[in-house]
Amino acid sequence: MIGFIIAGLVIGILARLIKPGKQHLGMVATLLLGLVGSVIGGLIANLLGTGDIFELNVLGFVVAVIAAVLLIGVAEGIAGRRSVRR
């Protein structure tokens, strides 16, 4: 469980480094998006037959980072719409 949290944090941080521009996300949001990205990466790797959902492998890690980058973009879009309404 601790390894899963650390992997999620690393994936979230890598995604924030890859995504251009400044993100207005805290560490908790980064961790949560990284965890969701790692689950998505694990699911896709599992569907492709390269490993188990909670097994750390290269394909799952790469897909997890890509998913986290996309999730950060979605989170920024949602946060941007909320600030425009005010």
PDB file of N, CA and C in Angstrom:
ATOM      1  N   MET A   1       0.811  -1.189   0.000  1.00  0.00           N
ATOM      2  CA  MET A   1       0.000   0.000   0.000  1.00  0.00           C
ATOM      3  C   MET A   1       0.865   1.269   0.000  1.00  0.00           C
ATOM      4  N   ILE A   2       1.911   1.268   0.808  1.00  0.00           N
ATOM      5  CA  ILE A   2       2.807   2.435   0.839  1.00  0.00           C
ATOM      6  C   ILE A   2       3.518   2.589  -0.504  1.00  0.00           C
ATOM      7  N   GLY A   3       3.899   1.476  -1.111  1.00  0.00           N
ATOM      8  CA  GLY A   3       4.532   1.516  -2.425  1.00  0.00           C
ATOM      9  C   GLY A   3       3.599   2.084  -3.479  1.00  0.00           C
ATOM     10  N   PHE A   4       2.309   1.752  -3.382  1.00  0.00           N
ATOM     11  CA  PHE A   4       1.309   2.269  -4.313  1.00  0.00           C
ATOM     12  C   PHE A   4       1.184   3.783  -4.165  1.00  0.00           C
ATOM     13  N   ILE A   5       1.207   4.284  -2.931  1.00  0.00           N
ATOM     14  CA  ILE A   5       1.114   5.724  -2.680  1.00  0.00           C
ATOM     15  C   ILE A   5       2.360   6.442  -3.203  1.00  0.00           C
ATOM     16  N   ILE A   6       3.525   5.859  -2.959  1.00  0.00           N
ATOM     17  CA  ILE A   6       4.768   6.473  -3.436  1.00  0.00           C
ATOM     18  C   ILE A   6       4.806   6.484  -4.957  1.00  0.00           C
ATOM     19  N   ALA A   7       4.393   5.378  -5.581  1.00  0.00           N
ATOM     20  CA  ALA A   7       4.357   5.321  -7.046  1.00  0.00           C
ATOM     21  C   ALA A   7       3.376   6.364  -7.591  1.00  0.00           C
ATOM     22  N   GLY A   8       2.227   6.539  -6.940  1.00  0.00           N
ATOM     23  CA  GLY A   8       1.258   7.543  -7.373  1.00  0.00           C
ATOM     24  C   GLY A   8       1.816   8.946  -7.272  1.00  0.00           C
ATOM     25  N   LEU A   9       2.551   9.204  -6.202  1.00  0.00           N
ATOM     26  CA  LEU A   9       3.160  10.528  -6.036  1.00  0.00           C
ATOM     27  C   LEU A   9       4.222  10.773  -7.106  1.00  0.00           C
ATOM     28  N   VAL A  10       5.050   9.774  -7.386  1.00  0.00           N
ATOM     29  CA  VAL A  10       6.081   9.906  -8.420  1.00  0.00           C
ATOM     30  C   VAL A  10       5.433  10.118  -9.788  1.00  0.00           C
ATOM     31  N   ILE A  11       4.396   9.364 -10.076  1.00  0.00           N
ATOM     32  CA  ILE A  11       3.700   9.507 -11.363  1.00  0.00           C
ATOM     33  C   ILE A  11       3.062  10.880 -11.469  1.00  0.00           C
ATOM     34  N   GLY A  12       2.447  11.363 -10.390  1.00  0.00           N
ATOM     35  CA  GLY A  12       1.844  12.693 -10.403  1.00  0.00           C
ATOM     36  C   GLY A  12       2.873  13.787 -10.603  1.00  0.00           C
ATOM     37  N   ILE A  13       4.011  13.661  -9.943  1.00  0.00           N
ATOM     38  CA  ILE A  13       5.073  14.670 -10.091  1.00  0.00           C
ATOM     39  C   ILE A  13       5.639  14.648 -11.507  1.00  0.00           C
ATOM     40  N   LEU A  14       5.867  13.458 -12.050  1.00  0.00           N
ATOM     41  CA  LEU A  14       6.357  13.369 -13.433  1.00  0.00           C
ATOM     42  C   LEU A  14       5.353  13.969 -14.412  1.00  0.00           C
ATOM     43  N   ALA A  15       4.088  13.717 -14.178  1.00  0.00           N
ATOM     44  CA  ALA A  15       3.057  14.265 -15.063  1.00  0.00           C
ATOM     45  C   ALA A  15       3.050  15.788 -15.007  1.00  0.00           C
ATOM     46  N   ARG A  16       3.221  16.341 -13.804  1.00  0.00           N
ATOM     47  CA  ARG A  16       3.267  17.803 -13.686  1.00  0.00           C
ATOM     48  C   ARG A  16       4.505  18.379 -14.360  1.00  0.00           C
ATOM     49  N   LEU A  17       5.617  17.654 -14.333  1.00  0.00           N
ATOM     50  CA  LEU A  17       6.825  18.119 -15.008  1.00  0.00           C
ATOM     51  C   LEU A  17       6.674  18.065 -16.526  1.00  0.00           C
ATOM     52  N   ILE A  18       5.958  17.060 -17.013  1.00  0.00           N
ATOM     53  CA  ILE A  18       5.773  16.901 -18.458  1.00  0.00           C
ATOM     54  C   ILE A  18       4.769  17.911 -18.991  1.00  0.00           C
ATOM     55  N   LYS A  19       3.699  18.161 -18.249  1.00  0.00           N
ATOM     56  CA  LYS A  19       2.647  19.071 -18.702  1.00  0.00           C
ATOM     57  C   LYS A  19       3.178  20.497 -18.713  1.00  0.00           C
ATOM     58  N   PRO A  20       3.097  21.170 -19.858  1.00  0.00           N
ATOM     59  CA  PRO A  20       3.621  22.538 -19.921  1.00  0.00           C
ATOM     60  C   PRO A  20       2.734  23.515 -19.154  1.00  0.00           C
ATOM     61  N   GLY A  21       3.329  24.591 -18.721  1.00  0.00           N
ATOM     62  CA  GLY A  21       2.599  25.635 -18.011  1.00  0.00           C
ATOM     63  C   GLY A  21       2.550  25.383 -16.513  1.00  0.00           C
ATOM     64  N   LYS A  22       2.008  26.373 -15.826  1.00  0.00           N
ATOM     65  CA  LYS A  22       1.899  26.278 -14.366  1.00  0.00           C
ATOM     66  C   LYS A  22       0.561  25.640 -14.008  1.00  0.00           C
ATOM     67  N   GLN A  23       0.628  24.630 -13.172  1.00  0.00           N
ATOM     68  CA  GLN A  23      -0.591  23.988 -12.698  1.00  0.00           C
ATOM     69  C   GLN A  23      -0.899  24.493 -11.299  1.00  0.00           C
ATOM     70  N   HIS A  24      -2.140  24.778 -11.058  1.00  0.00           N
ATOM     71  CA  HIS A  24      -2.564  25.260  -9.754  1.00  0.00           C
ATOM     72  C   HIS A  24      -3.115  24.093  -8.943  1.00  0.00           C
ATOM     73  N   LEU A  25      -2.253  23.132  -8.676  1.00  0.00           N
ATOM     74  CA  LEU A  25      -2.633  21.936  -7.929  1.00  0.00           C
ATOM     75  C   LEU A  25      -1.710  21.779  -6.733  1.00  0.00           C
ATOM     76  N   GLY A  26      -2.262  21.355  -5.625  1.00  0.00           N
ATOM     77  CA  GLY A  26      -1.464  21.087  -4.441  1.00  0.00           C
ATOM     78  C   GLY A  26      -0.893  19.675  -4.470  1.00  0.00           C
ATOM     79  N   MET A  27      -0.159  19.332  -3.432  1.00  0.00           N
ATOM     80  CA  MET A  27       0.443  17.997  -3.359  1.00  0.00           C
ATOM     81  C   MET A  27      -0.610  16.902  -3.237  1.00  0.00           C
ATOM     82  N   VAL A  28      -1.697  17.181  -2.533  1.00  0.00           N
ATOM     83  CA  VAL A  28      -2.746  16.167  -2.382  1.00  0.00           C
ATOM     84  C   VAL A  28      -3.399  15.884  -3.736  1.00  0.00           C
ATOM     85  N   ALA A  29      -3.683  16.934  -4.506  1.00  0.00           N
ATOM     86  CA  ALA A  29      -4.263  16.755  -5.836  1.00  0.00           C
ATOM     87  C   ALA A  29      -3.284  16.030  -6.750  1.00  0.00           C
ATOM     88  N   THR A  30      -2.009  16.353  -6.650  1.00  0.00           N
ATOM     89  CA  THR A  30      -0.988  15.666  -7.438  1.00  0.00           C
ATOM     90  C   THR A  30      -0.947  14.183  -7.088  1.00  0.00           C
ATOM     91  N   LEU A  31      -0.995  13.875  -5.806  1.00  0.00           N
ATOM     92  CA  LEU A  31      -0.996  12.489  -5.349  1.00  0.00           C
ATOM     93  C   LEU A  31      -2.232  11.754  -5.855  1.00  0.00           C
ATOM     94  N   LEU A  32      -3.398  12.365  -5.717  1.00  0.00           N
ATOM     95  CA  LEU A  32      -4.633  11.702  -6.150  1.00  0.00           C
ATOM     96  C   LEU A  32      -4.663  11.466  -7.655  1.00  0.00           C
ATOM     97  N   LEU A  33      -4.236  12.468  -8.423  1.00  0.00           N
ATOM     98  CA  LEU A  33      -4.196  12.286  -9.874  1.00  0.00           C
ATOM     99  C   LEU A  33      -3.165  11.239 -10.271  1.00  0.00           C
ATOM    100  N   GLY A  34      -2.047  11.186  -9.560  1.00  0.00           N
ATOM    101  CA  GLY A  34      -1.048  10.154  -9.809  1.00  0.00           C
ATOM    102  C   GLY A  34      -1.562   8.768  -9.474  1.00  0.00           C
ATOM    103  N   LEU A  35      -2.317   8.653  -8.379  1.00  0.00           N
ATOM    104  CA  LEU A  35      -2.895   7.357  -8.006  1.00  0.00           C
ATOM    105  C   LEU A  35      -3.918   6.890  -9.038  1.00  0.00           C
ATOM    106  N   VAL A  36      -4.770   7.803  -9.480  1.00  0.00           N
ATOM    107  CA  VAL A  36      -5.755   7.451 -10.503  1.00  0.00           C
ATOM    108  C   VAL A  36      -5.046   7.082 -11.805  1.00  0.00           C
ATOM    109  N   GLY A  37      -4.020   7.840 -12.158  1.00  0.00           N
ATOM    110  CA  GLY A  37      -3.240   7.521 -13.357  1.00  0.00           C
ATOM    111  C   GLY A  37      -2.571   6.162 -13.251  1.00  0.00           C
ATOM    112  N   SER A  38      -2.070   5.811 -12.070  1.00  0.00           N
ATOM    113  CA  SER A  38      -1.412   4.514 -11.911  1.00  0.00           C
ATOM    114  C   SER A  38      -2.416   3.369 -12.004  1.00  0.00           C
ATOM    115  N   VAL A  39      -3.623   3.584 -11.517  1.00  0.00           N
ATOM    116  CA  VAL A  39      -4.662   2.549 -11.653  1.00  0.00           C
ATOM    117  C   VAL A  39      -5.034   2.378 -13.121  1.00  0.00           C
ATOM    118  N   ILE A  40      -5.189   3.489 -13.830  1.00  0.00           N
ATOM    119  CA  ILE A  40      -5.505   3.415 -15.262  1.00  0.00           C
ATOM    120  C   ILE A  40      -4.378   2.718 -16.017  1.00  0.00           C
ATOM    121  N   GLY A  41      -3.138   3.078 -15.717  1.00  0.00           N
ATOM    122  CA  GLY A  41      -1.999   2.423 -16.365  1.00  0.00           C
ATOM    123  C   GLY A  41      -1.946   0.939 -16.068  1.00  0.00           C
ATOM    124  N   GLY A  42      -2.220   0.568 -14.820  1.00  0.00           N
ATOM    125  CA  GLY A  42      -2.242  -0.844 -14.455  1.00  0.00           C
ATOM    126  C   GLY A  42      -3.354  -1.612 -15.151  1.00  0.00           C
ATOM    127  N   LEU A  43      -4.517  -0.982 -15.275  1.00  0.00           N
ATOM    128  CA  LEU A  43      -5.630  -1.630 -15.974  1.00  0.00           C
ATOM    129  C   LEU A  43      -5.307  -1.865 -17.443  1.00  0.00           C
ATOM    130  N   ILE A  44      -4.749  -0.853 -18.089  1.00  0.00           N
ATOM    131  CA  ILE A  44      -4.410  -0.991 -19.507  1.00  0.00           C
ATOM    132  C   ILE A  44      -3.317  -2.036 -19.699  1.00  0.00           C
ATOM    133  N   ALA A  45      -2.308  -2.020 -18.831  1.00  0.00           N
ATOM    134  CA  ALA A  45      -1.253  -3.035 -18.927  1.00  0.00           C
ATOM    135  C   ALA A  45      -1.821  -4.427 -18.691  1.00  0.00           C
ATOM    136  N   ASN A  46      -2.761  -4.539 -17.772  1.00  0.00           N
ATOM    137  CA  ASN A  46      -3.397  -5.827 -17.506  1.00  0.00           C
ATOM    138  C   ASN A  46      -4.207  -6.288 -18.711  1.00  0.00           C
ATOM    139  N   LEU A  47      -4.933  -5.364 -19.337  1.00  0.00           N
ATOM    140  CA  LEU A  47      -5.721  -5.714 -20.523  1.00  0.00           C
ATOM    141  C   LEU A  47      -4.829  -6.145 -21.690  1.00  0.00           C
ATOM    142  N   LEU A  48      -3.641  -5.562 -21.769  1.00  0.00           N
ATOM    143  CA  LEU A  48      -2.699  -5.937 -22.831  1.00  0.00           C
ATOM    144  C   LEU A  48      -1.919  -7.201 -22.492  1.00  0.00           C
ATOM    145  N   GLY A  49      -2.081  -7.693 -21.276  1.00  0.00           N
ATOM    146  CA  GLY A  49      -1.440  -8.946 -20.881  1.00  0.00           C
ATOM    147  C   GLY A  49       0.016  -8.808 -20.476  1.00  0.00           C
ATOM    148  N   THR A  50       0.443  -7.606 -20.081  1.00  0.00           N
ATOM    149  CA  THR A  50       1.849  -7.429 -19.706  1.00  0.00           C
ATOM    150  C   THR A  50       2.086  -7.538 -18.211  1.00  0.00           C
ATOM    151  N   GLY A  51       1.034  -7.655 -17.429  1.00  0.00           N
ATOM    152  CA  GLY A  51       1.224  -7.786 -15.992  1.00  0.00           C
ATOM    153  C   GLY A  51      -0.064  -7.562 -15.240  1.00  0.00           C
ATOM    154  N   ASP A  52       0.007  -7.685 -13.942  1.00  0.00           N
ATOM    155  CA  ASP A  52      -1.131  -7.491 -13.069  1.00  0.00           C
ATOM    156  C   ASP A  52      -1.380  -5.998 -12.872  1.00  0.00           C
ATOM    157  N   ILE A  53      -2.560  -5.645 -12.413  1.00  0.00           N
ATOM    158  CA  ILE A  53      -2.932  -4.244 -12.244  1.00  0.00           C
ATOM    159  C   ILE A  53      -2.035  -3.524 -11.236  1.00  0.00           C
ATOM    160  N   PHE A  54      -1.610  -4.215 -10.171  1.00  0.00           N
ATOM    161  CA  PHE A  54      -0.781  -3.583  -9.159  1.00  0.00           C
ATOM    162  C   PHE A  54       0.700  -3.922  -9.307  1.00  0.00           C
ATOM    163  N   GLU A  55       1.058  -4.506 -10.431  1.00  0.00           N
ATOM    164  CA  GLU A  55       2.452  -4.853 -10.694  1.00  0.00           C
ATOM    165  C   GLU A  55       3.113  -3.699 -11.439  1.00  0.00           C
ATOM    166  N   LEU A  56       4.270  -3.295 -10.976  1.00  0.00           N
ATOM    167  CA  LEU A  56       4.970  -2.191 -11.623  1.00  0.00           C
ATOM    168  C   LEU A  56       5.760  -2.725 -12.815  1.00  0.00           C
ATOM    169  N   ASN A  57       5.382  -2.279 -14.017  1.00  0.00           N
ATOM    170  CA  ASN A  57       6.130  -2.638 -15.218  1.00  0.00           C
ATOM    171  C   ASN A  57       6.249  -1.393 -16.095  1.00  0.00           C
ATOM    172  N   VAL A  58       7.072  -1.480 -17.105  1.00  0.00           N
ATOM    173  CA  VAL A  58       7.399  -0.304 -17.910  1.00  0.00           C
ATOM    174  C   VAL A  58       6.176   0.224 -18.655  1.00  0.00           C
ATOM    175  N   LEU A  59       5.445  -0.660 -19.309  1.00  0.00           N
ATOM    176  CA  LEU A  59       4.284  -0.215 -20.077  1.00  0.00           C
ATOM    177  C   LEU A  59       3.238   0.421 -19.164  1.00  0.00           C
ATOM    178  N   GLY A  60       2.952  -0.198 -18.038  1.00  0.00           N
ATOM    179  CA  GLY A  60       1.986   0.353 -17.096  1.00  0.00           C
ATOM    180  C   GLY A  60       2.422   1.700 -16.566  1.00  0.00           C
ATOM    181  N   PHE A  61       3.723   1.850 -16.305  1.00  0.00           N
ATOM    182  CA  PHE A  61       4.245   3.118 -15.795  1.00  0.00           C
ATOM    183  C   PHE A  61       4.103   4.218 -16.834  1.00  0.00           C
ATOM    184  N   VAL A  62       4.455   3.922 -18.075  1.00  0.00           N
ATOM    185  CA  VAL A  62       4.359   4.928 -19.143  1.00  0.00           C
ATOM    186  C   VAL A  62       2.903   5.334 -19.364  1.00  0.00           C
ATOM    187  N   VAL A  63       2.011   4.356 -19.412  1.00  0.00           N
ATOM    188  CA  VAL A  63       0.592   4.661 -19.599  1.00  0.00           C
ATOM    189  C   VAL A  63       0.056   5.440 -18.396  1.00  0.00           C
ATOM    190  N   ALA A  64       0.526   5.117 -17.201  1.00  0.00           N
ATOM    191  CA  ALA A  64       0.093   5.828 -15.999  1.00  0.00           C
ATOM    192  C   ALA A  64       0.501   7.292 -16.050  1.00  0.00           C
ATOM    193  N   VAL A  65       1.702   7.573 -16.495  1.00  0.00           N
ATOM    194  CA  VAL A  65       2.156   8.966 -16.598  1.00  0.00           C
ATOM    195  C   VAL A  65       1.342   9.710 -17.650  1.00  0.00           C
ATOM    196  N   ILE A  66       1.088   9.076 -18.777  1.00  0.00           N
ATOM    197  CA  ILE A  66       0.281   9.709 -19.825  1.00  0.00           C
ATOM    198  C   ILE A  66      -1.128   9.981 -19.318  1.00  0.00           C
ATOM    199  N   ALA A  67      -1.713   9.004 -18.620  1.00  0.00           N
ATOM    200  CA  ALA A  67      -3.058   9.187 -18.065  1.00  0.00           C
ATOM    201  C   ALA A  67      -3.071  10.314 -17.042  1.00  0.00           C
ATOM    202  N   ALA A  68      -2.038  10.411 -16.225  1.00  0.00           N
ATOM    203  CA  ALA A  68      -1.976  11.473 -15.220  1.00  0.00           C
ATOM    204  C   ALA A  68      -1.832  12.843 -15.881  1.00  0.00           C
ATOM    205  N   VAL A  69      -1.073  12.934 -16.970  1.00  0.00           N
ATOM    206  CA  VAL A  69      -0.958  14.209 -17.701  1.00  0.00           C
ATOM    207  C   VAL A  69      -2.334  14.623 -18.221  1.00  0.00           C
ATOM    208  N   LEU A  70      -3.065  13.667 -18.785  1.00  0.00           N
ATOM    209  CA  LEU A  70      -4.402  13.970 -19.285  1.00  0.00           C
ATOM    210  C   LEU A  70      -5.345  14.357 -18.150  1.00  0.00           C
ATOM    211  N   LEU A  71      -5.237  13.674 -17.018  1.00  0.00           N
ATOM    212  CA  LEU A  71      -6.077  13.999 -15.865  1.00  0.00           C
ATOM    213  C   LEU A  71      -5.769  15.391 -15.312  1.00  0.00           C
ATOM    214  N   ILE A  72      -4.509  15.783 -15.344  1.00  0.00           N
ATOM    215  CA  ILE A  72      -4.146  17.136 -14.901  1.00  0.00           C
ATOM    216  C   ILE A  72      -4.792  18.167 -15.823  1.00  0.00           C
ATOM    217  N   GLY A  73      -4.775  17.897 -17.113  1.00  0.00           N
ATOM    218  CA  GLY A  73      -5.436  18.796 -18.061  1.00  0.00           C
ATOM    219  C   GLY A  73      -6.930  18.906 -17.791  1.00  0.00           C
ATOM    220  N   VAL A  74      -7.577  17.782 -17.490  1.00  0.00           N
ATOM    221  CA  VAL A  74      -9.001  17.792 -17.171  1.00  0.00           C
ATOM    222  C   VAL A  74      -9.252  18.564 -15.878  1.00  0.00           C
ATOM    223  N   ALA A  75      -8.416  18.328 -14.870  1.00  0.00           N
ATOM    224  CA  ALA A  75      -8.568  19.023 -13.589  1.00  0.00           C
ATOM    225  C   ALA A  75      -8.386  20.527 -13.764  1.00  0.00           C
ATOM    226  N   GLU A  76      -7.439  20.936 -14.589  1.00  0.00           N
ATOM    227  CA  GLU A  76      -7.241  22.358 -14.849  1.00  0.00           C
ATOM    228  C   GLU A  76      -8.446  22.946 -15.571  1.00  0.00           C
ATOM    229  N   GLY A  77      -9.001  22.192 -16.511  1.00  0.00           N
ATOM    230  CA  GLY A  77     -10.186  22.663 -17.236  1.00  0.00           C
ATOM    231  C   GLY A  77     -11.376  22.845 -16.323  1.00  0.00           C
ATOM    232  N   ILE A  78     -11.582  21.903 -15.414  1.00  0.00           N
ATOM    233  CA  ILE A  78     -12.687  22.016 -14.460  1.00  0.00           C
ATOM    234  C   ILE A  78     -12.455  23.188 -13.517  1.00  0.00           C
ATOM    235  N   ALA A  79     -11.245  23.328 -13.030  1.00  0.00           N
ATOM    236  CA  ALA A  79     -10.928  24.432 -12.121  1.00  0.00           C
ATOM    237  C   ALA A  79     -11.047  25.767 -12.844  1.00  0.00           C
ATOM    238  N   GLY A  80     -10.685  25.819 -14.104  1.00  0.00           N
ATOM    239  CA  GLY A  80     -10.782  27.045 -14.883  1.00  0.00           C
ATOM    240  C   GLY A  80     -12.222  27.470 -15.092  1.00  0.00           C
ATOM    241  N   ARG A  81     -13.106  26.501 -15.328  1.00  0.00           N
ATOM    242  CA  ARG A  81     -14.519  26.823 -15.511  1.00  0.00           C
ATOM    243  C   ARG A  81     -15.137  27.329 -14.218  1.00  0.00           C
ATOM    244  N   ARG A  82     -14.727  26.776 -13.107  1.00  0.00           N
ATOM    245  CA  ARG A  82     -15.264  27.224 -11.816  1.00  0.00           C
ATOM    246  C   ARG A  82     -14.854  28.657 -11.506  1.00  0.00           C
ATOM    247  N   SER A  83     -13.609  29.013 -11.843  1.00  0.00           N
ATOM    248  CA  SER A  83     -13.158  30.384 -11.560  1.00  0.00           C
ATOM    249  C   SER A  83     -13.791  31.396 -12.502  1.00  0.00           C
ATOM    250  N   VAL A  84     -14.190  30.988 -13.700  1.00  0.00           N
ATOM    251  CA  VAL A  84     -14.827  31.896 -14.652  1.00  0.00           C
ATOM    252  C   VAL A  84     -16.246  32.214 -14.195  1.00  0.00           C
ATOM    253  N   ARG A  85     -16.929  31.260 -13.573  1.00  0.00           N
ATOM    254  CA  ARG A  85     -18.305  31.470 -13.112  1.00  0.00           C
ATOM    255  C   ARG A  85     -18.404  32.506 -12.011  1.00  0.00           C
ATOM    256  N   ARG A  86     -17.364  32.674 -11.225  1.00  0.00           N
ATOM    257  CA  ARG A  86     -17.436  33.592 -10.077  1.00  0.00           C
ATOM    258  C   ARG A  86     -17.406  35.003 -10.487  1.00  0.00           C
TER     259      ARG A  86
END
